[in-house]
C-alpha atoms as a PDB file:
ATOM      1  CA  UNK A   1      65.541 -57.531  95.658  1.00  0.00           C
ATOM      2  CA  UNK A   2      66.102 -60.657  97.776  1.00  0.00           C
ATOM      3  CA  UNK A   3      66.977 -63.752  95.830  1.00  0.00           C
ATOM      4  CA  UNK A   4      67.323 -65.747  99.061  1.00  0.00           C
ATOM      5  CA  UNK A   5      65.178 -66.000 102.194  1.00  0.00           C
ATOM      6  CA  UNK A   6      65.493 -67.759 105.523  1.00  0.00           C
ATOM      7  CA  UNK A   7      62.434 -69.935 106.233  1.00  0.00           C
ATOM      8  CA  UNK A   8      62.495 -71.857 109.490  1.00  0.00           C
ATOM      9  CA  UNK A   9      65.741 -73.864 109.381  1.00  0.00           C
ATOM     10  CA  UNK A  10      66.215 -73.560 105.605  1.00  0.00           C
ATOM     11  CA  UNK A  11      67.653 -71.093 103.173  1.00  0.00           C
ATOM     12  CA  UNK A  12      65.579 -70.832  99.992  1.00  0.00           C
ATOM     13  CA  UNK A  13      66.985 -69.085  96.941  1.00  0.00           C
ATOM     14  CA  UNK A  14      66.350 -68.422  93.288  1.00  0.00           C
ATOM     15  CA  UNK A  15      68.767 -70.637  91.394  1.00  0.00           C
ATOM     16  CA  UNK A  16      71.711 -68.587  90.108  1.00  0.00           C
ATOM     17  CA  UNK A  17      71.850 -70.809  87.009  1.00  0.00           C
ATOM     18  CA  UNK A  18      68.125 -70.892  86.149  1.00  0.00           C
ATOM     19  CA  UNK A  19      65.739 -68.261  87.557  1.00  0.00           C
ATOM     20  CA  UNK A  20      62.739 -70.558  86.980  1.00  0.00           C
ATOM     21  CA  UNK A  21      64.043 -72.877  89.714  1.00  0.00           C
ATOM     22  CA  UNK A  22      64.204 -72.591  93.491  1.00  0.00           C
ATOM     23  CA  UNK A  23      66.813 -74.313  95.626  1.00  0.00           C
ATOM     24  CA  UNK A  24      67.065 -74.924  99.360  1.00  0.00           C
ATOM     25  CA  UNK A  25      69.820 -75.591 101.856  1.00  0.00           C
ATOM     26  CA  UNK A  26      69.595 -77.042 105.356  1.00  0.00           C
ATOM     27  CA  UNK A  27      73.295 -76.540 106.153  1.00  0.00           C
ATOM     28  CA  UNK A  28      73.734 -72.756 105.900  1.00  0.00           C
ATOM     29  CA  UNK A  29      74.311 -72.782 102.144  1.00  0.00           C
ATOM     30  CA  UNK A  30      77.121 -75.335 101.962  1.00  0.00           C
ATOM     31  CA  UNK A  31      75.051 -77.559  99.645  1.00  0.00           C
ATOM     32  CA  UNK A  32      71.900 -76.851  97.640  1.00  0.00           C
ATOM     33  CA  UNK A  33      69.043 -79.076  96.397  1.00  0.00           C
ATOM     34  CA  UNK A  34      66.194 -78.305  94.013  1.00  0.00           C
ATOM     35  CA  UNK A  35      62.933 -77.388  95.747  1.00  0.00           C
ATOM     36  CA  UNK A  36      60.951 -76.253  92.667  1.00  0.00           C
ATOM     37  CA  UNK A  37      61.983 -77.324  89.173  1.00  0.00           C
ATOM     38  CA  UNK A  38      60.344 -74.428  87.406  1.00  0.00           C
ATOM     39  CA  UNK A  39      57.368 -74.041  85.132  1.00  0.00           C
ATOM     40  CA  UNK A  40      56.448 -71.963  82.125  1.00  0.00           C
ATOM     41  CA  UNK A  41      53.316 -70.934  84.092  1.00  0.00           C
ATOM     42  CA  UNK A  42      55.276 -68.952  86.689  1.00  0.00           C
ATOM     43  CA  UNK A  43      58.093 -67.749  84.461  1.00  0.00           C
ATOM     44  CA  UNK A  44      61.366 -66.626  86.038  1.00  0.00           C
ATOM     45  CA  UNK A  45      61.559 -65.643  89.697  1.00  0.00           C
ATOM     46  CA  UNK A  46      62.794 -62.130  90.358  1.00  0.00           C
ATOM     47  CA  UNK A  47      62.148 -61.697  94.089  1.00  0.00           C
ATOM     48  CA  UNK A  48      61.172 -63.764  97.151  1.00  0.00           C
ATOM     49  CA  UNK A  49      59.524 -62.564 100.369  1.00  0.00           C
ATOM     50  CA  UNK A  50      58.597 -64.546 103.472  1.00  0.00           C
ATOM     51  CA  UNK A  51      55.389 -63.217 105.034  1.00  0.00           C
ATOM     52  CA  UNK A  52      55.391 -65.779 107.841  1.00  0.00           C
ATOM     53  CA  UNK A  53      52.393 -67.744 106.540  1.00  0.00           C
ATOM     54  CA  UNK A  54      53.492 -67.987 102.909  1.00  0.00           C
ATOM     55  CA  UNK A  55      56.281 -67.166 100.505  1.00  0.00           C
ATOM     56  CA  UNK A  56      55.582 -64.555  97.866  1.00  0.00           C
ATOM     57  CA  UNK A  57      57.400 -64.787  94.559  1.00  0.00           C
ATOM     58  CA  UNK A  58      57.512 -61.962  92.056  1.00  0.00           C
ATOM     59  CA  UNK A  59      58.024 -63.507  88.645  1.00  0.00           C
ATOM     60  CA  UNK A  60      58.098 -62.418  85.046  1.00  0.00           C
ATOM     61  CA  UNK A  61      54.451 -63.548  84.875  1.00  0.00           C
ATOM     62  CA  UNK A  62      53.083 -61.892  88.016  1.00  0.00           C
ATOM     63  CA  UNK A  63      52.792 -62.411  91.749  1.00  0.00           C
ATOM     64  CA  UNK A  64      52.671 -65.999  93.038  1.00  0.00           C
ATOM     65  CA  UNK A  65      52.417 -67.484  96.537  1.00  0.00           C
ATOM     66  CA  UNK A  66      53.394 -70.760  98.157  1.00  0.00           C
ATOM     67  CA  UNK A  67      52.107 -72.166 101.455  1.00  0.00           C
ATOM     68  CA  UNK A  68      54.481 -75.160 101.435  1.00  0.00           C
ATOM     69  CA  UNK A  69      57.969 -73.631 101.467  1.00  0.00           C
ATOM     70  CA  UNK A  70      58.068 -73.173  97.688  1.00  0.00           C
ATOM     71  CA  UNK A  71      57.142 -76.678  96.561  1.00  0.00           C
ATOM     72  CA  UNK A  72      54.026 -75.502  94.666  1.00  0.00           C
ATOM     73  CA  UNK A  73      52.914 -72.044  93.512  1.00  0.00           C
ATOM     74  CA  UNK A  74      49.562 -70.360  92.847  1.00  0.00           C
ATOM     75  CA  UNK A  75      48.903 -67.031  91.144  1.00  0.00           C
ATOM     76  CA  UNK A  76      47.770 -64.238  93.446  1.00  0.00           C
ATOM     77  CA  UNK A  77      44.745 -62.568  91.884  1.00  0.00           C
END
């Protein structure tokens, strides 16, 4: 169950302090910034997968996808 993925030159992870948030690092994990602040719509992230064209996020409210490195999320129907 990956909580962190490597996307291009970034690491993207589920925040260890708040699973509704995603963080990214451009310096191999030395520092982290918020990429997605979380939403009650998506719930808490449980898993991340990089498919090449999009990021898939398994959450407590279903399967979501992002085509912009995790900045916005849409429900996969």
